[in-house]
Amino acid sequence: MATFTVSVSKEIKEIMDRHPEINWSAYVKKMIEERLRQLKKFKELVERGEI
């Protein structure tokens, strides 16, 4: 598995730290995967001429 590093501002990090119940790494991974699924679906619709 590859590693992907994200930088956030100090302010954002402080807010994230107030929510230790959230696994931020897993959350970001899930959001990236979801966006890639959306992009794939969009590409399929464009290729079929539906958009």
PDB file of N, CA and C in Angstrom:
ATOM      1  N   MET A   1       0.850  -1.173   0.000  1.00  0.00           N
ATOM      2  CA  MET A   1       0.000   0.000   0.000  1.00  0.00           C
ATOM      3  C   MET A   1       0.898   1.240   0.000  1.00  0.00           C
ATOM      4  N   ALA A   2       0.508   2.232  -0.748  1.00  0.00           N
ATOM      5  CA  ALA A   2       1.248   3.491  -0.827  1.00  0.00           C
ATOM      6  C   ALA A   2       0.867   4.401   0.338  1.00  0.00           C
ATOM      7  N   THR A   3       1.752   5.348   0.609  1.00  0.00           N
ATOM      8  CA  THR A   3       1.502   6.335   1.659  1.00  0.00           C
ATOM      9  C   THR A   3       1.225   7.681   1.016  1.00  0.00           C
ATOM     10  N   PHE A   4       0.271   8.398   1.582  1.00  0.00           N
ATOM     11  CA  PHE A   4      -0.135   9.705   1.087  1.00  0.00           C
ATOM     12  C   PHE A   4      -0.165  10.642   2.287  1.00  0.00           C
ATOM     13  N   THR A   5       0.570  11.745   2.206  1.00  0.00           N
ATOM     14  CA  THR A   5       0.651  12.676   3.325  1.00  0.00           C
ATOM     15  C   THR A   5      -0.129  13.938   3.007  1.00  0.00           C
ATOM     16  N   VAL A   6      -0.908  14.391   3.964  1.00  0.00           N
ATOM     17  CA  VAL A   6      -1.712  15.607   3.803  1.00  0.00           C
ATOM     18  C   VAL A   6      -1.297  16.607   4.877  1.00  0.00           C
ATOM     19  N   SER A   7      -1.126  17.839   4.474  1.00  0.00           N
ATOM     20  CA  SER A   7      -0.822  18.903   5.423  1.00  0.00           C
ATOM     21  C   SER A   7      -2.061  19.764   5.627  1.00  0.00           C
ATOM     22  N   VAL A   8      -2.313  20.105   6.874  1.00  0.00           N
ATOM     23  CA  VAL A   8      -3.425  20.994   7.200  1.00  0.00           C
ATOM     24  C   VAL A   8      -2.884  22.123   8.076  1.00  0.00           C
ATOM     25  N   SER A   9      -3.626  23.188   8.133  1.00  0.00           N
ATOM     26  CA  SER A   9      -3.206  24.315   8.956  1.00  0.00           C
ATOM     27  C   SER A   9      -3.230  23.936  10.431  1.00  0.00           C
ATOM     28  N   LYS A  10      -2.529  24.700  11.220  1.00  0.00           N
ATOM     29  CA  LYS A  10      -2.493  24.472  12.665  1.00  0.00           C
ATOM     30  C   LYS A  10      -3.899  24.549  13.248  1.00  0.00           C
ATOM     31  N   GLU A  11      -4.683  25.503  12.763  1.00  0.00           N
ATOM     32  CA  GLU A  11      -6.043  25.683  13.261  1.00  0.00           C
ATOM     33  C   GLU A  11      -6.905  24.447  12.985  1.00  0.00           C
ATOM     34  N   ILE A  12      -6.786  23.922  11.776  1.00  0.00           N
ATOM     35  CA  ILE A  12      -7.558  22.725  11.424  1.00  0.00           C
ATOM     36  C   ILE A  12      -7.114  21.541  12.278  1.00  0.00           C
ATOM     37  N   LYS A  13      -5.816  21.388  12.466  1.00  0.00           N
ATOM     38  CA  LYS A  13      -5.295  20.301  13.296  1.00  0.00           C
ATOM     39  C   LYS A  13      -5.817  20.395  14.725  1.00  0.00           C
ATOM     40  N   GLU A  14      -5.885  21.596  15.256  1.00  0.00           N
ATOM     41  CA  GLU A  14      -6.406  21.777  16.617  1.00  0.00           C
ATOM     42  C   GLU A  14      -7.864  21.338  16.704  1.00  0.00           C
ATOM     43  N   ILE A  15      -8.636  21.657  15.686  1.00  0.00           N
ATOM     44  CA  ILE A  15     -10.042  21.245  15.671  1.00  0.00           C
ATOM     45  C   ILE A  15     -10.143  19.723  15.526  1.00  0.00           C
ATOM     46  N   MET A  16      -9.328  19.158  14.656  1.00  0.00           N
ATOM     47  CA  MET A  16      -9.329  17.705  14.488  1.00  0.00           C
ATOM     48  C   MET A  16      -8.978  17.002  15.795  1.00  0.00           C
ATOM     49  N   ASP A  17      -8.035  17.560  16.529  1.00  0.00           N
ATOM     50  CA  ASP A  17      -7.608  16.956  17.792  1.00  0.00           C
ATOM     51  C   ASP A  17      -8.713  16.956  18.846  1.00  0.00           C
ATOM     52  N   ARG A  18      -9.713  17.803  18.668  1.00  0.00           N
ATOM     53  CA  ARG A  18     -10.849  17.830  19.590  1.00  0.00           C
ATOM     54  C   ARG A  18     -11.814  16.670  19.343  1.00  0.00           C
ATOM     55  N   HIS A  19     -11.540  15.922  18.283  1.00  0.00           N
ATOM     56  CA  HIS A  19     -12.410  14.803  17.904  1.00  0.00           C
ATOM     57  C   HIS A  19     -11.600  13.520  17.753  1.00  0.00           C
ATOM     58  N   PRO A  20     -11.062  13.015  18.876  1.00  0.00           N
ATOM     59  CA  PRO A  20     -10.247  11.796  18.800  1.00  0.00           C
ATOM     60  C   PRO A  20     -11.048  10.556  18.420  1.00  0.00           C
ATOM     61  N   GLU A  21     -12.364  10.663  18.473  1.00  0.00           N
ATOM     62  CA  GLU A  21     -13.196   9.523  18.096  1.00  0.00           C
ATOM     63  C   GLU A  21     -13.189   9.265  16.589  1.00  0.00           C
ATOM     64  N   ILE A  22     -12.715  10.237  15.836  1.00  0.00           N
ATOM     65  CA  ILE A  22     -12.666  10.100  14.382  1.00  0.00           C
ATOM     66  C   ILE A  22     -11.273   9.665  13.956  1.00  0.00           C
ATOM     67  N   ASN A  23     -11.232   8.600  13.175  1.00  0.00           N
ATOM     68  CA  ASN A  23      -9.982   8.156  12.581  1.00  0.00           C
ATOM     69  C   ASN A  23      -9.822   8.946  11.285  1.00  0.00           C
ATOM     70  N   TRP A  24      -9.097  10.042  11.355  1.00  0.00           N
ATOM     71  CA  TRP A  24      -9.007  10.965  10.228  1.00  0.00           C
ATOM     72  C   TRP A  24      -8.369  10.325   9.005  1.00  0.00           C
ATOM     73  N   SER A  25      -7.409   9.468   9.217  1.00  0.00           N
ATOM     74  CA  SER A  25      -6.767   8.788   8.095  1.00  0.00           C
ATOM     75  C   SER A  25      -7.787   7.930   7.343  1.00  0.00           C
ATOM     76  N   ALA A  26      -8.562   7.154   8.075  1.00  0.00           N
ATOM     77  CA  ALA A  26      -9.585   6.314   7.455  1.00  0.00           C
ATOM     78  C   ALA A  26     -10.658   7.157   6.781  1.00  0.00           C
ATOM     79  N   TYR A  27     -11.018   8.272   7.412  1.00  0.00           N
ATOM     80  CA  TYR A  27     -12.032   9.167   6.839  1.00  0.00           C
ATOM     81  C   TYR A  27     -11.567   9.735   5.497  1.00  0.00           C
ATOM     82  N   VAL A  28     -10.337  10.227   5.462  1.00  0.00           N
ATOM     83  CA  VAL A  28      -9.814  10.803   4.217  1.00  0.00           C
ATOM     84  C   VAL A  28      -9.706   9.727   3.140  1.00  0.00           C
ATOM     85  N   LYS A  29      -9.257   8.548   3.522  1.00  0.00           N
ATOM     86  CA  LYS A  29      -9.168   7.442   2.562  1.00  0.00           C
ATOM     87  C   LYS A  29     -10.543   7.139   1.965  1.00  0.00           C
ATOM     88  N   LYS A  30     -11.564   7.078   2.825  1.00  0.00           N
ATOM     89  CA  LYS A  30     -12.917   6.797   2.357  1.00  0.00           C
ATOM     90  C   LYS A  30     -13.410   7.890   1.402  1.00  0.00           C
ATOM     91  N   MET A  31     -13.144   9.142   1.726  1.00  0.00           N
ATOM     92  CA  MET A  31     -13.588  10.241   0.874  1.00  0.00           C
ATOM     93  C   MET A  31     -12.885  10.227  -0.487  1.00  0.00           C
ATOM     94  N   ILE A  32     -11.604   9.897  -0.499  1.00  0.00           N
ATOM     95  CA  ILE A  32     -10.876   9.792  -1.772  1.00  0.00           C
ATOM     96  C   ILE A  32     -11.461   8.664  -2.617  1.00  0.00           C
ATOM     97  N   GLU A  33     -11.692   7.522  -1.995  1.00  0.00           N
ATOM     98  CA  GLU A  33     -12.273   6.390  -2.722  1.00  0.00           C
ATOM     99  C   GLU A  33     -13.648   6.736  -3.285  1.00  0.00           C
ATOM    100  N   GLU A  34     -14.462   7.421  -2.491  1.00  0.00           N
ATOM    101  CA  GLU A  34     -15.799   7.816  -2.956  1.00  0.00           C
ATOM    102  C   GLU A  34     -15.703   8.772  -4.140  1.00  0.00           C
ATOM    103  N   ARG A  35     -14.817   9.736  -4.065  1.00  0.00           N
ATOM    104  CA  ARG A  35     -14.664  10.701  -5.169  1.00  0.00           C
ATOM    105  C   ARG A  35     -14.193  10.001  -6.429  1.00  0.00           C
ATOM    106  N   LEU A  36     -13.291   9.036  -6.300  1.00  0.00           N
ATOM    107  CA  LEU A  36     -12.828   8.295  -7.469  1.00  0.00           C
ATOM    108  C   LEU A  36     -13.955   7.482  -8.092  1.00  0.00           C
ATOM    109  N   ARG A  37     -14.847   6.911  -7.259  1.00  0.00           N
ATOM    110  CA  ARG A  37     -16.020   6.207  -7.796  1.00  0.00           C
ATOM    111  C   ARG A  37     -16.925   7.167  -8.565  1.00  0.00           C
ATOM    112  N   GLN A  38     -17.108   8.373  -8.022  1.00  0.00           N
ATOM    113  CA  GLN A  38     -17.926   9.379  -8.701  1.00  0.00           C
ATOM    114  C   GLN A  38     -17.317   9.775 -10.037  1.00  0.00           C
ATOM    115  N   LEU A  39     -16.023   9.972 -10.054  1.00  0.00           N
ATOM    116  CA  LEU A  39     -15.346  10.349 -11.302  1.00  0.00           C
ATOM    117  C   LEU A  39     -15.450   9.241 -12.345  1.00  0.00           C
ATOM    118  N   LYS A  40     -15.332   7.998 -11.911  1.00  0.00           N
ATOM    119  CA  LYS A  40     -15.462   6.864 -12.831  1.00  0.00           C
ATOM    120  C   LYS A  40     -16.860   6.834 -13.427  1.00  0.00           C
ATOM    121  N   LYS A  41     -17.867   7.004 -12.571  1.00  0.00           N
ATOM    122  CA  LYS A  41     -19.257   6.996 -13.044  1.00  0.00           C
ATOM    123  C   LYS A  41     -19.503   8.147 -14.022  1.00  0.00           C
ATOM    124  N   PHE A  42     -18.971   9.329 -13.699  1.00  0.00           N
ATOM    125  CA  PHE A  42     -19.123  10.484 -14.586  1.00  0.00           C
ATOM    126  C   PHE A  42     -18.490  10.195 -15.947  1.00  0.00           C
ATOM    127  N   LYS A  43     -17.293   9.636 -15.933  1.00  0.00           N
ATOM    128  CA  LYS A  43     -16.608   9.324 -17.183  1.00  0.00           C
ATOM    129  C   LYS A  43     -17.425   8.335 -18.018  1.00  0.00           C
ATOM    130  N   GLU A  44     -17.994   7.321 -17.356  1.00  0.00           N
ATOM    131  CA  GLU A  44     -18.830   6.341 -18.062  1.00  0.00           C
ATOM    132  C   GLU A  44     -20.048   7.012 -18.695  1.00  0.00           C
ATOM    133  N   LEU A  45     -20.685   7.916 -17.970  1.00  0.00           N
ATOM    134  CA  LEU A  45     -21.852   8.619 -18.506  1.00  0.00           C
ATOM    135  C   LEU A  45     -21.479   9.489 -19.694  1.00  0.00           C
ATOM    136  N   VAL A  46     -20.349  10.165 -19.617  1.00  0.00           N
ATOM    137  CA  VAL A  46     -19.884  11.001 -20.729  1.00  0.00           C
ATOM    138  C   VAL A  46     -19.595  10.137 -21.945  1.00  0.00           C
ATOM    139  N   GLU A  47     -18.905   9.022 -21.731  1.00  0.00           N
ATOM    140  CA  GLU A  47     -18.560   8.140 -22.849  1.00  0.00           C
ATOM    141  C   GLU A  47     -19.797   7.544 -23.523  1.00  0.00           C
ATOM    142  N   ARG A  48     -20.860   7.337 -22.763  1.00  0.00           N
ATOM    143  CA  ARG A  48     -22.109   6.826 -23.344  1.00  0.00           C
ATOM    144  C   ARG A  48     -22.975   7.925 -23.925  1.00  0.00           C
ATOM    145  N   GLY A  49     -22.544   9.176 -23.798  1.00  0.00           N
ATOM    146  CA  GLY A  49     -23.298  10.295 -24.341  1.00  0.00           C
ATOM    147  C   GLY A  49     -24.505  10.669 -23.507  1.00  0.00           C
ATOM    148  N   GLU A  50     -24.529  10.265 -22.266  1.00  0.00           N
ATOM    149  CA  GLU A  50     -25.674  10.577 -21.404  1.00  0.00           C
ATOM    150  C   GLU A  50     -25.519  11.921 -20.713  1.00  0.00           C
ATOM    151  N   ILE A  51     -24.346  12.493 -20.828  1.00  0.00           N
ATOM    152  CA  ILE A  51     -24.112  13.836 -20.269  1.00  0.00           C
ATOM    153  C   ILE A  51     -23.509  14.687 -21.365  1.00  0.00           C
TER     154      ILE A  51
END
